[in-house]
Amino acid sequence: MIGIYGGTFDPVHFGHLRTALEVKEAFALDEIRLIPCFIPPHRDSPSAPASMRLRMLELALENRTNMTVDTREIDRGGPSYMVETLMSLRAEIGERSLLLFIGADAFTGLTAWYQWRRLFEFVHVVVMTRPGFNAQVVDGFLTNRLTEDRQVLNEYSAGYLFFQSVTRLEISATAIRQIIAKHRDPGFLLPESVIQYIRQHKLYQR
C-alpha cells in the first residue's frame, strides 16, 4: 500500500512528520509520499514560495526510509486539485492500494473539494482523528463508503472511507510563522535543518 499526505507545508513541522510516521506504521505502508501543493484551492496562498516549501520538506525527510517527497503538484503548476494528482498517481502505480490521508478539519470541508466524489475512484480516504473523536458522516455518498475493517483497504485498491486515530501534536504552521516573525525561537516545533533554512533565507519575517 502507498500513502499520500498533501498540504502546503508552510513550513513543515513535527505535527506533519509525526502523523505521517504513525500512519505509515499503522497501515504497514510500503511508502508514504508527502505532496506539497502549488496553489491551495481552498485556503490563502502560502507565505513561502513553492520551491522553498519543497526544499524544507526535503530537508525534513532526509535519511527517512520510505517517506518521500512527491513534487507533481508543484511541477504541474496552477491550482492543486487533489483529484488530478490522484489520477496521475493511479496511472503510475496500477492497481495497488492507495490511501489518501486527510485531517478531520479537511474532512468537514471535503464536499467542497473539486470533483470530490471522484477521489474514491482512485483512493481510499483515511481521516486522521484525535483519540476519542466521534466520527459523524451525514452525507449518504460517504456513508455508503464507510468501513471499520482495515483489511478492506488491503483487498481493494480504492473506494472506502476509514477513520484512524493518531497522536495530535498541537503544532500549527501559522503559530510557527508568528513566532519567527516576532524573532522568537521556534526550536522543538520543527526539524533543526528546517529552522536553519528558514534563518538562512529570512523566511516568514514581517
N, C-alpha and C. Protein backbone atom coordinates (compact mmCIF):
# COMPACT_ATOMS: atom_id res chain seq x y z
N MET A 1 0.83 -1.20 0.00
CA MET A 1 0.00 0.00 0.00
C MET A 1 0.87 1.25 0.00
N ILE A 2 0.38 2.27 -0.66
CA ILE A 2 1.06 3.56 -0.71
C ILE A 2 0.18 4.61 -0.07
N GLY A 3 0.78 5.47 0.76
CA GLY A 3 0.04 6.55 1.39
C GLY A 3 0.37 7.89 0.75
N ILE A 4 -0.63 8.77 0.72
CA ILE A 4 -0.49 10.12 0.18
C ILE A 4 -0.89 11.11 1.26
N TYR A 5 -0.06 12.10 1.48
CA TYR A 5 -0.33 13.11 2.51
C TYR A 5 0.03 14.47 1.90
N GLY A 6 -0.98 15.26 1.58
CA GLY A 6 -0.74 16.55 0.94
C GLY A 6 -0.87 17.71 1.92
N GLY A 7 -0.39 18.87 1.48
CA GLY A 7 -0.50 20.07 2.32
C GLY A 7 0.34 21.19 1.76
N THR A 8 0.22 22.36 2.40
CA THR A 8 1.08 23.47 1.98
C THR A 8 2.47 23.34 2.59
N PHE A 9 2.56 22.75 3.82
CA PHE A 9 3.85 22.58 4.50
C PHE A 9 4.60 23.92 4.53
N ASP A 10 3.99 24.89 5.20
CA ASP A 10 4.46 26.28 5.16
C ASP A 10 4.70 26.86 6.56
N PRO A 11 5.69 26.35 7.31
CA PRO A 11 6.65 25.30 6.96
C PRO A 11 6.20 23.93 7.48
N VAL A 12 6.88 22.88 7.00
CA VAL A 12 6.68 21.55 7.54
C VAL A 12 7.12 21.55 9.00
N HIS A 13 6.40 20.82 9.86
CA HIS A 13 6.75 20.78 11.28
C HIS A 13 6.53 19.37 11.84
N PHE A 14 6.81 19.21 13.13
CA PHE A 14 6.75 17.87 13.72
C PHE A 14 5.32 17.33 13.78
N GLY A 15 4.30 18.18 13.77
CA GLY A 15 2.94 17.70 13.69
C GLY A 15 2.70 16.93 12.40
N HIS A 16 3.16 17.49 11.28
CA HIS A 16 3.06 16.79 10.00
C HIS A 16 3.86 15.48 10.02
N LEU A 17 5.09 15.57 10.49
CA LEU A 17 6.02 14.46 10.37
C LEU A 17 5.64 13.30 11.28
N ARG A 18 5.23 13.61 12.51
CA ARG A 18 4.84 12.55 13.44
C ARG A 18 3.60 11.83 12.93
N THR A 19 2.64 12.58 12.41
CA THR A 19 1.43 11.99 11.87
C THR A 19 1.75 11.06 10.70
N ALA A 20 2.60 11.53 9.79
CA ALA A 20 2.98 10.71 8.64
C ALA A 20 3.63 9.41 9.08
N LEU A 21 4.50 9.49 10.08
CA LEU A 21 5.17 8.30 10.58
C LEU A 21 4.18 7.33 11.21
N GLU A 22 3.24 7.85 11.99
CA GLU A 22 2.27 6.99 12.67
C GLU A 22 1.39 6.24 11.68
N VAL A 23 0.90 6.93 10.65
CA VAL A 23 0.02 6.23 9.71
C VAL A 23 0.81 5.26 8.84
N LYS A 24 2.07 5.58 8.56
CA LYS A 24 2.91 4.64 7.81
C LYS A 24 3.02 3.32 8.57
N GLU A 25 3.21 3.42 9.89
CA GLU A 25 3.32 2.21 10.70
C GLU A 25 1.97 1.54 10.91
N ALA A 26 0.93 2.32 11.14
CA ALA A 26 -0.39 1.76 11.44
C ALA A 26 -0.93 0.93 10.28
N PHE A 27 -0.64 1.37 9.05
CA PHE A 27 -1.16 0.68 7.88
C PHE A 27 -0.10 -0.16 7.18
N ALA A 28 1.08 -0.26 7.79
CA ALA A 28 2.19 -1.03 7.20
C ALA A 28 2.40 -0.64 5.74
N LEU A 29 2.49 0.67 5.51
CA LEU A 29 2.63 1.18 4.15
C LEU A 29 4.00 0.83 3.58
N ASP A 30 4.03 0.54 2.29
CA ASP A 30 5.30 0.37 1.62
C ASP A 30 6.05 1.70 1.55
N GLU A 31 5.29 2.78 1.37
CA GLU A 31 5.86 4.12 1.41
C GLU A 31 4.74 5.12 1.64
N ILE A 32 5.12 6.31 2.12
CA ILE A 32 4.19 7.42 2.20
C ILE A 32 4.82 8.61 1.50
N ARG A 33 4.04 9.23 0.62
CA ARG A 33 4.54 10.36 -0.16
C ARG A 33 3.90 11.65 0.36
N LEU A 34 4.72 12.60 0.73
CA LEU A 34 4.24 13.91 1.13
C LEU A 34 4.25 14.81 -0.10
N ILE A 35 3.12 15.41 -0.40
CA ILE A 35 2.96 16.16 -1.64
C ILE A 35 2.68 17.63 -1.31
N PRO A 36 3.68 18.50 -1.46
CA PRO A 36 3.41 19.94 -1.25
C PRO A 36 2.61 20.51 -2.41
N CYS A 37 1.56 21.25 -2.09
CA CYS A 37 0.73 21.81 -3.15
C CYS A 37 1.40 23.07 -3.73
N PHE A 38 0.98 23.42 -4.92
CA PHE A 38 1.47 24.64 -5.56
C PHE A 38 0.59 25.83 -5.17
N ILE A 39 -0.68 25.76 -5.51
CA ILE A 39 -1.65 26.77 -5.09
C ILE A 39 -2.82 26.04 -4.43
N PRO A 40 -3.04 26.21 -3.13
CA PRO A 40 -4.17 25.53 -2.48
C PRO A 40 -5.50 26.15 -2.91
N PRO A 41 -6.44 25.35 -3.41
CA PRO A 41 -7.70 25.91 -3.91
C PRO A 41 -8.63 26.45 -2.81
N HIS A 42 -8.47 25.95 -1.56
CA HIS A 42 -9.46 26.24 -0.53
C HIS A 42 -8.90 27.06 0.64
N ARG A 43 -7.77 27.68 0.44
CA ARG A 43 -7.21 28.48 1.53
C ARG A 43 -6.31 29.56 0.95
N ASP A 44 -5.82 30.45 1.83
CA ASP A 44 -4.95 31.53 1.36
C ASP A 44 -3.66 30.97 0.76
N SER A 45 -3.05 31.76 -0.11
CA SER A 45 -1.79 31.34 -0.70
C SER A 45 -0.71 31.22 0.36
N PRO A 46 0.19 30.27 0.23
CA PRO A 46 1.27 30.11 1.21
C PRO A 46 2.17 31.33 1.28
N SER A 47 2.83 31.49 2.43
CA SER A 47 3.74 32.61 2.62
C SER A 47 5.06 32.40 1.89
N ALA A 48 5.57 31.17 1.92
CA ALA A 48 6.85 30.87 1.27
C ALA A 48 6.62 30.34 -0.15
N PRO A 49 7.54 30.65 -1.07
CA PRO A 49 7.41 30.13 -2.44
C PRO A 49 7.42 28.60 -2.46
N ALA A 50 6.82 28.05 -3.49
CA ALA A 50 6.72 26.59 -3.60
C ALA A 50 8.09 25.92 -3.56
N SER A 51 9.07 26.51 -4.23
CA SER A 51 10.40 25.89 -4.28
C SER A 51 11.03 25.81 -2.89
N MET A 52 10.76 26.79 -2.05
CA MET A 52 11.33 26.79 -0.69
C MET A 52 10.56 25.85 0.23
N ARG A 53 9.25 25.78 0.07
CA ARG A 53 8.48 24.82 0.86
C ARG A 53 8.89 23.40 0.51
N LEU A 54 9.16 23.17 -0.76
CA LEU A 54 9.63 21.87 -1.21
C LEU A 54 10.98 21.55 -0.59
N ARG A 55 11.89 22.50 -0.60
CA ARG A 55 13.22 22.25 -0.06
C ARG A 55 13.18 21.97 1.44
N MET A 56 12.31 22.69 2.16
CA MET A 56 12.20 22.44 3.61
C MET A 56 11.68 21.03 3.87
N LEU A 57 10.75 20.57 3.04
CA LEU A 57 10.23 19.22 3.19
C LEU A 57 11.31 18.18 2.89
N GLU A 58 12.11 18.43 1.88
CA GLU A 58 13.21 17.52 1.56
C GLU A 58 14.20 17.45 2.70
N LEU A 59 14.52 18.58 3.31
CA LEU A 59 15.43 18.59 4.45
C LEU A 59 14.86 17.80 5.62
N ALA A 60 13.56 17.96 5.85
CA ALA A 60 12.92 17.29 6.99
C ALA A 60 12.91 15.77 6.83
N LEU A 61 12.88 15.30 5.59
CA LEU A 61 12.76 13.86 5.35
C LEU A 61 14.09 13.19 5.00
N GLU A 62 15.17 13.93 5.10
CA GLU A 62 16.49 13.34 4.84
C GLU A 62 16.72 12.13 5.75
N ASN A 63 17.21 11.06 5.16
CA ASN A 63 17.55 9.84 5.89
C ASN A 63 16.34 9.12 6.46
N ARG A 64 15.14 9.41 5.96
CA ARG A 64 13.93 8.72 6.38
C ARG A 64 13.57 7.65 5.35
N THR A 65 13.49 6.41 5.77
CA THR A 65 13.20 5.32 4.87
C THR A 65 11.71 5.29 4.53
N ASN A 66 11.40 5.19 3.25
CA ASN A 66 10.03 5.03 2.76
C ASN A 66 9.12 6.21 3.08
N MET A 67 9.71 7.38 3.33
CA MET A 67 8.97 8.63 3.45
C MET A 67 9.59 9.58 2.44
N THR A 68 8.84 9.91 1.39
CA THR A 68 9.42 10.65 0.28
C THR A 68 8.60 11.89 -0.05
N VAL A 69 9.22 12.77 -0.82
CA VAL A 69 8.55 13.97 -1.31
C VAL A 69 8.14 13.74 -2.76
N ASP A 70 6.89 14.02 -3.07
CA ASP A 70 6.37 13.90 -4.43
C ASP A 70 6.10 15.32 -4.93
N THR A 71 6.73 15.70 -6.03
CA THR A 71 6.70 17.09 -6.50
C THR A 71 5.64 17.35 -7.59
N ARG A 72 4.76 16.42 -7.84
CA ARG A 72 3.91 16.53 -9.03
C ARG A 72 2.99 17.75 -9.00
N GLU A 73 2.51 18.19 -7.85
CA GLU A 73 1.63 19.35 -7.83
C GLU A 73 2.39 20.64 -8.14
N ILE A 74 3.60 20.73 -7.62
CA ILE A 74 4.43 21.89 -7.94
C ILE A 74 4.85 21.86 -9.40
N ASP A 75 5.21 20.69 -9.90
CA ASP A 75 5.61 20.57 -11.31
C ASP A 75 4.46 20.92 -12.24
N ARG A 76 3.24 20.57 -11.85
CA ARG A 76 2.08 20.81 -12.69
C ARG A 76 1.71 22.29 -12.73
N GLY A 77 1.90 22.99 -11.59
CA GLY A 77 1.53 24.40 -11.51
C GLY A 77 0.02 24.57 -11.43
N GLY A 78 -0.43 25.81 -11.25
CA GLY A 78 -1.86 26.10 -11.17
C GLY A 78 -2.45 25.59 -9.87
N PRO A 79 -3.77 25.70 -9.72
CA PRO A 79 -4.43 25.20 -8.51
C PRO A 79 -4.20 23.70 -8.33
N SER A 80 -3.92 23.30 -7.11
CA SER A 80 -3.56 21.90 -6.85
C SER A 80 -4.81 21.10 -6.49
N TYR A 81 -5.51 20.64 -7.51
CA TYR A 81 -6.71 19.84 -7.29
C TYR A 81 -6.31 18.40 -7.04
N MET A 82 -6.71 17.87 -5.88
CA MET A 82 -6.28 16.54 -5.47
C MET A 82 -6.73 15.47 -6.45
N VAL A 83 -7.89 15.62 -7.04
CA VAL A 83 -8.37 14.59 -7.96
C VAL A 83 -7.43 14.45 -9.16
N GLU A 84 -6.86 15.54 -9.63
CA GLU A 84 -5.90 15.47 -10.74
C GLU A 84 -4.61 14.80 -10.31
N THR A 85 -4.19 15.08 -9.08
CA THR A 85 -2.99 14.45 -8.53
C THR A 85 -3.18 12.94 -8.42
N LEU A 86 -4.33 12.53 -7.91
CA LEU A 86 -4.59 11.10 -7.73
C LEU A 86 -4.74 10.38 -9.06
N MET A 87 -5.30 11.05 -10.03
CA MET A 87 -5.44 10.46 -11.36
C MET A 87 -4.07 10.14 -11.94
N SER A 88 -3.13 11.06 -11.80
CA SER A 88 -1.79 10.83 -12.32
C SER A 88 -1.06 9.74 -11.54
N LEU A 89 -1.28 9.71 -10.24
CA LEU A 89 -0.66 8.68 -9.41
C LEU A 89 -1.18 7.29 -9.79
N ARG A 90 -2.49 7.20 -9.94
CA ARG A 90 -3.08 5.91 -10.27
C ARG A 90 -2.56 5.40 -11.61
N ALA A 91 -2.35 6.29 -12.55
CA ALA A 91 -1.82 5.88 -13.85
C ALA A 91 -0.41 5.29 -13.71
N GLU A 92 0.31 5.73 -12.68
CA GLU A 92 1.68 5.24 -12.48
C GLU A 92 1.73 3.92 -11.72
N ILE A 93 0.90 3.77 -10.70
CA ILE A 93 1.06 2.63 -9.78
C ILE A 93 0.16 1.45 -10.09
N GLY A 94 -0.73 1.61 -11.06
CA GLY A 94 -1.60 0.49 -11.39
C GLY A 94 -2.65 0.24 -10.33
N GLU A 95 -2.86 -1.03 -9.98
CA GLU A 95 -3.97 -1.41 -9.09
C GLU A 95 -3.56 -1.55 -7.63
N ARG A 96 -2.41 -1.06 -7.26
CA ARG A 96 -2.01 -1.12 -5.84
C ARG A 96 -2.95 -0.27 -4.99
N SER A 97 -3.12 -0.69 -3.76
CA SER A 97 -3.98 0.06 -2.84
C SER A 97 -3.33 1.41 -2.53
N LEU A 98 -4.15 2.47 -2.62
CA LEU A 98 -3.67 3.84 -2.43
C LEU A 98 -4.53 4.52 -1.37
N LEU A 99 -3.89 5.08 -0.34
CA LEU A 99 -4.59 5.72 0.77
C LEU A 99 -4.28 7.20 0.78
N LEU A 100 -5.32 8.03 0.80
CA LEU A 100 -5.17 9.47 0.94
C LEU A 100 -5.48 9.86 2.38
N PHE A 101 -4.51 10.45 3.06
CA PHE A 101 -4.67 10.84 4.46
C PHE A 101 -5.03 12.32 4.54
N ILE A 102 -6.13 12.61 5.23
CA ILE A 102 -6.53 14.00 5.44
C ILE A 102 -6.90 14.18 6.92
N GLY A 103 -6.80 15.42 7.40
CA GLY A 103 -7.16 15.72 8.76
C GLY A 103 -8.67 15.83 8.94
N ALA A 104 -9.11 15.80 10.20
CA ALA A 104 -10.53 15.90 10.49
C ALA A 104 -11.10 17.24 10.02
N ASP A 105 -10.33 18.31 10.14
CA ASP A 105 -10.81 19.62 9.68
C ASP A 105 -11.02 19.62 8.17
N ALA A 106 -10.08 19.03 7.45
CA ALA A 106 -10.22 18.95 6.00
C ALA A 106 -11.43 18.10 5.62
N PHE A 107 -11.69 17.06 6.39
CA PHE A 107 -12.81 16.18 6.09
C PHE A 107 -14.14 16.92 6.18
N THR A 108 -14.26 17.84 7.13
CA THR A 108 -15.52 18.57 7.27
C THR A 108 -15.81 19.41 6.03
N GLY A 109 -14.77 19.78 5.28
CA GLY A 109 -14.96 20.56 4.06
C GLY A 109 -14.79 19.75 2.79
N LEU A 110 -14.75 18.43 2.91
CA LEU A 110 -14.44 17.58 1.75
C LEU A 110 -15.44 17.77 0.62
N THR A 111 -16.71 17.96 0.94
CA THR A 111 -17.72 18.04 -0.12
C THR A 111 -17.62 19.33 -0.92
N ALA A 112 -16.74 20.25 -0.50
CA ALA A 112 -16.48 21.47 -1.28
C ALA A 112 -15.28 21.31 -2.21
N TRP A 113 -14.58 20.17 -2.11
CA TRP A 113 -13.41 19.95 -2.96
C TRP A 113 -13.86 19.74 -4.41
N TYR A 114 -12.98 20.09 -5.31
CA TYR A 114 -13.23 19.92 -6.75
C TYR A 114 -13.42 18.44 -7.08
N GLN A 115 -14.55 18.10 -7.65
CA GLN A 115 -14.87 16.73 -8.05
C GLN A 115 -14.60 15.72 -6.92
N TRP A 116 -15.08 16.06 -5.72
CA TRP A 116 -14.68 15.29 -4.53
C TRP A 116 -15.12 13.82 -4.59
N ARG A 117 -16.28 13.55 -5.20
CA ARG A 117 -16.72 12.16 -5.26
C ARG A 117 -15.76 11.29 -6.07
N ARG A 118 -15.10 11.88 -7.04
CA ARG A 118 -14.18 11.11 -7.90
C ARG A 118 -12.91 10.68 -7.15
N LEU A 119 -12.64 11.29 -6.01
CA LEU A 119 -11.48 10.85 -5.22
C LEU A 119 -11.53 9.35 -4.97
N PHE A 120 -12.76 8.86 -4.72
CA PHE A 120 -12.91 7.45 -4.33
C PHE A 120 -12.73 6.50 -5.51
N GLU A 121 -12.64 7.04 -6.72
CA GLU A 121 -12.29 6.19 -7.87
C GLU A 121 -10.82 5.80 -7.82
N PHE A 122 -10.02 6.61 -7.13
CA PHE A 122 -8.57 6.43 -7.18
C PHE A 122 -7.95 6.01 -5.84
N VAL A 123 -8.61 6.33 -4.71
CA VAL A 123 -8.02 6.08 -3.40
C VAL A 123 -9.07 5.65 -2.38
N HIS A 124 -8.58 5.12 -1.27
CA HIS A 124 -9.32 5.10 -0.02
C HIS A 124 -9.01 6.42 0.69
N VAL A 125 -9.99 7.03 1.28
CA VAL A 125 -9.77 8.26 2.06
C VAL A 125 -9.71 7.89 3.54
N VAL A 126 -8.58 8.20 4.17
CA VAL A 126 -8.39 7.92 5.59
C VAL A 126 -8.36 9.25 6.34
N VAL A 127 -9.30 9.43 7.24
CA VAL A 127 -9.39 10.66 8.03
C VAL A 127 -8.64 10.46 9.34
N MET A 128 -7.65 11.30 9.56
CA MET A 128 -6.82 11.21 10.77
C MET A 128 -7.48 12.02 11.89
N THR A 129 -7.80 11.34 12.98
CA THR A 129 -8.53 11.98 14.07
C THR A 129 -7.75 11.87 15.38
N ARG A 130 -8.11 12.70 16.32
CA ARG A 130 -7.53 12.58 17.65
C ARG A 130 -8.25 11.48 18.43
N PRO A 131 -7.60 10.87 19.44
CA PRO A 131 -8.27 9.83 20.24
C PRO A 131 -9.57 10.36 20.84
N GLY A 132 -10.62 9.55 20.77
CA GLY A 132 -11.91 9.95 21.31
C GLY A 132 -12.78 10.73 20.36
N PHE A 133 -12.27 10.98 19.16
CA PHE A 133 -13.05 11.73 18.16
C PHE A 133 -14.29 10.94 17.78
N ASN A 134 -15.43 11.62 17.73
CA ASN A 134 -16.68 10.98 17.35
C ASN A 134 -16.97 11.28 15.89
N ALA A 135 -16.75 10.30 15.05
CA ALA A 135 -16.93 10.49 13.61
C ALA A 135 -18.41 10.59 13.27
N GLN A 136 -18.78 11.66 12.57
CA GLN A 136 -20.15 11.83 12.12
C GLN A 136 -20.15 12.00 10.61
N VAL A 137 -20.76 11.07 9.93
CA VAL A 137 -20.85 11.12 8.47
C VAL A 137 -22.32 11.23 8.10
N VAL A 138 -22.71 12.37 7.58
CA VAL A 138 -24.13 12.60 7.28
C VAL A 138 -24.43 12.51 5.78
N ASP A 139 -23.41 12.63 4.96
CA ASP A 139 -23.60 12.55 3.51
C ASP A 139 -23.78 11.09 3.11
N GLY A 140 -24.86 10.80 2.38
CA GLY A 140 -25.15 9.43 2.00
C GLY A 140 -24.07 8.79 1.15
N PHE A 141 -23.48 9.55 0.25
CA PHE A 141 -22.40 9.04 -0.60
C PHE A 141 -21.26 8.52 0.27
N LEU A 142 -20.91 9.30 1.31
CA LEU A 142 -19.81 8.92 2.19
C LEU A 142 -20.20 7.78 3.11
N THR A 143 -21.42 7.79 3.60
CA THR A 143 -21.89 6.73 4.49
C THR A 143 -21.77 5.37 3.82
N ASN A 144 -22.09 5.31 2.55
CA ASN A 144 -22.03 4.05 1.82
C ASN A 144 -20.61 3.54 1.62
N ARG A 145 -19.62 4.39 1.86
CA ARG A 145 -18.22 4.00 1.68
C ARG A 145 -17.48 3.81 3.00
N LEU A 146 -18.15 4.07 4.08
CA LEU A 146 -17.52 3.98 5.40
C LEU A 146 -17.28 2.53 5.80
N THR A 147 -16.08 2.25 6.28
CA THR A 147 -15.77 0.91 6.77
C THR A 147 -14.94 1.02 8.05
N GLU A 148 -15.06 0.01 8.90
CA GLU A 148 -14.21 -0.10 10.09
C GLU A 148 -13.27 -1.29 9.96
N ASP A 149 -13.30 -1.93 8.81
CA ASP A 149 -12.47 -3.11 8.55
C ASP A 149 -11.22 -2.70 7.79
N ARG A 150 -10.11 -2.67 8.50
CA ARG A 150 -8.84 -2.25 7.89
C ARG A 150 -8.43 -3.17 6.75
N GLN A 151 -8.80 -4.44 6.83
CA GLN A 151 -8.39 -5.39 5.80
C GLN A 151 -8.99 -5.05 4.44
N VAL A 152 -10.15 -4.41 4.44
CA VAL A 152 -10.78 -4.00 3.18
C VAL A 152 -9.87 -3.06 2.40
N LEU A 153 -9.10 -2.24 3.11
CA LEU A 153 -8.21 -1.29 2.44
C LEU A 153 -7.08 -2.01 1.71
N ASN A 154 -6.76 -3.22 2.19
CA ASN A 154 -5.75 -4.03 1.50
C ASN A 154 -6.34 -4.76 0.30
N GLU A 155 -7.58 -5.21 0.46
CA GLU A 155 -8.19 -6.07 -0.56
C GLU A 155 -8.60 -5.29 -1.80
N TYR A 156 -8.96 -4.03 -1.62
CA TYR A 156 -9.43 -3.21 -2.74
C TYR A 156 -8.46 -2.04 -2.94
N SER A 157 -8.33 -1.59 -4.17
CA SER A 157 -7.36 -0.53 -4.47
C SER A 157 -7.86 0.86 -4.10
N ALA A 158 -9.19 1.04 -4.00
CA ALA A 158 -9.77 2.36 -3.75
C ALA A 158 -11.23 2.20 -3.37
N GLY A 159 -11.85 3.32 -2.91
CA GLY A 159 -13.30 3.33 -2.78
C GLY A 159 -13.87 3.43 -1.39
N TYR A 160 -13.04 3.32 -0.34
CA TYR A 160 -13.58 3.28 1.01
C TYR A 160 -13.15 4.50 1.84
N LEU A 161 -13.94 4.74 2.90
CA LEU A 161 -13.66 5.81 3.87
C LEU A 161 -13.37 5.17 5.21
N PHE A 162 -12.29 5.60 5.85
CA PHE A 162 -11.83 4.98 7.10
C PHE A 162 -11.38 6.08 8.05
N PHE A 163 -11.63 5.91 9.34
CA PHE A 163 -11.17 6.86 10.35
C PHE A 163 -10.07 6.21 11.18
N GLN A 164 -8.95 6.95 11.34
CA GLN A 164 -7.78 6.44 12.06
C GLN A 164 -7.35 7.44 13.12
N SER A 165 -7.28 6.98 14.36
CA SER A 165 -6.82 7.83 15.45
C SER A 165 -5.29 7.97 15.41
N VAL A 166 -4.80 9.20 15.56
CA VAL A 166 -3.36 9.46 15.62
C VAL A 166 -3.08 10.42 16.77
N THR A 167 -1.83 10.46 17.20
CA THR A 167 -1.43 11.41 18.22
C THR A 167 -1.52 12.82 17.66
N ARG A 168 -2.24 13.68 18.33
CA ARG A 168 -2.41 15.05 17.83
C ARG A 168 -1.41 15.96 18.54
N LEU A 169 -0.42 16.42 17.82
CA LEU A 169 0.52 17.40 18.36
C LEU A 169 -0.03 18.79 18.06
N GLU A 170 -0.23 19.58 19.10
CA GLU A 170 -0.84 20.90 18.91
C GLU A 170 0.20 21.88 18.38
N ILE A 171 0.62 21.64 17.16
CA ILE A 171 1.60 22.50 16.49
C ILE A 171 0.95 23.04 15.23
N SER A 172 1.09 24.33 15.02
CA SER A 172 0.46 24.96 13.86
C SER A 172 1.49 25.72 13.06
N ALA A 173 1.43 25.58 11.73
CA ALA A 173 2.35 26.34 10.88
C ALA A 173 2.11 27.83 11.02
N THR A 174 0.86 28.23 11.22
CA THR A 174 0.55 29.65 11.42
C THR A 174 1.24 30.17 12.67
N ALA A 175 1.16 29.41 13.76
CA ALA A 175 1.81 29.83 15.01
C ALA A 175 3.32 29.89 14.84
N ILE A 176 3.89 28.94 14.10
CA ILE A 176 5.34 28.95 13.88
C ILE A 176 5.74 30.20 13.10
N ARG A 177 4.98 30.55 12.07
CA ARG A 177 5.29 31.77 11.31
C ARG A 177 5.21 33.01 12.20
N GLN A 178 4.26 33.04 13.11
CA GLN A 178 4.13 34.18 14.03
C GLN A 178 5.30 34.24 15.00
N ILE A 179 5.74 33.08 15.48
CA ILE A 179 6.89 33.02 16.38
C ILE A 179 8.12 33.58 15.68
N ILE A 180 8.35 33.16 14.44
CA ILE A 180 9.52 33.61 13.68
C ILE A 180 9.42 35.10 13.39
N ALA A 181 8.22 35.57 13.05
CA ALA A 181 8.04 36.99 12.75
C ALA A 181 8.35 37.87 13.96
N LYS A 182 8.15 37.32 15.16
CA LYS A 182 8.42 38.06 16.40
C LYS A 182 9.84 37.84 16.90
N HIS A 183 10.65 37.18 16.06
CA HIS A 183 12.07 36.91 16.37
C HIS A 183 12.23 36.06 17.63
N ARG A 184 11.27 35.14 17.82
CA ARG A 184 11.38 34.18 18.91
C ARG A 184 11.90 32.85 18.35
N ASP A 185 12.30 31.97 19.25
CA ASP A 185 12.94 30.71 18.85
C ASP A 185 11.87 29.63 18.60
N PRO A 186 11.80 29.08 17.37
CA PRO A 186 10.82 28.03 17.08
C PRO A 186 11.34 26.62 17.36
N GLY A 187 12.42 26.52 18.14
CA GLY A 187 13.02 25.23 18.43
C GLY A 187 12.04 24.23 19.00
N PHE A 188 12.23 22.94 18.66
CA PHE A 188 11.43 21.80 19.11
C PHE A 188 10.02 21.78 18.51
N LEU A 189 9.74 22.67 17.56
CA LEU A 189 8.48 22.62 16.84
C LEU A 189 8.65 22.05 15.44
N LEU A 190 9.86 22.13 14.92
CA LEU A 190 10.17 21.63 13.58
C LEU A 190 11.64 21.25 13.54
N PRO A 191 12.05 20.47 12.53
CA PRO A 191 13.44 20.00 12.50
C PRO A 191 14.44 21.14 12.46
N GLU A 192 15.59 20.92 13.08
CA GLU A 192 16.62 21.96 13.14
C GLU A 192 17.11 22.32 11.74
N SER A 193 17.16 21.34 10.84
CA SER A 193 17.60 21.63 9.47
C SER A 193 16.64 22.61 8.78
N VAL A 194 15.36 22.50 9.09
CA VAL A 194 14.36 23.41 8.53
C VAL A 194 14.49 24.80 9.15
N ILE A 195 14.73 24.84 10.45
CA ILE A 195 14.94 26.13 11.13
C ILE A 195 16.13 26.86 10.53
N GLN A 196 17.21 26.13 10.30
CA GLN A 196 18.40 26.76 9.72
C GLN A 196 18.12 27.29 8.31
N TYR A 197 17.34 26.56 7.55
CA TYR A 197 16.98 27.01 6.19
C TYR A 197 16.13 28.28 6.27
N ILE A 198 15.20 28.32 7.18
CA ILE A 198 14.35 29.50 7.36
C ILE A 198 15.20 30.71 7.73
N ARG A 199 16.14 30.52 8.62
CA ARG A 199 17.01 31.63 9.04
C ARG A 199 17.92 32.08 7.89
N GLN A 200 18.44 31.11 7.18
CA GLN A 200 19.35 31.43 6.07
C GLN A 200 18.64 32.29 5.02
N HIS A 201 17.39 31.98 4.75
CA HIS A 201 16.66 32.67 3.67
C HIS A 201 15.70 33.74 4.19
N LYS A 202 15.77 33.97 5.54
CA LYS A 202 14.95 35.03 6.17
C LYS A 202 13.46 34.88 5.83
N LEU A 203 12.98 33.66 5.90
CA LEU A 203 11.57 33.40 5.64
C LEU A 203 10.70 33.81 6.82
N TYR A 204 9.49 34.18 6.51
CA TYR A 204 8.44 34.50 7.50
C TYR A 204 8.76 35.72 8.34
N GLN A 205 9.61 36.59 7.84
CA GLN A 205 9.90 37.85 8.52
C GLN A 205 8.81 38.86 8.15
N ARG A 206 8.45 39.70 9.07
CA ARG A 206 7.46 40.73 8.75
C ARG A 206 8.12 41.80 7.89
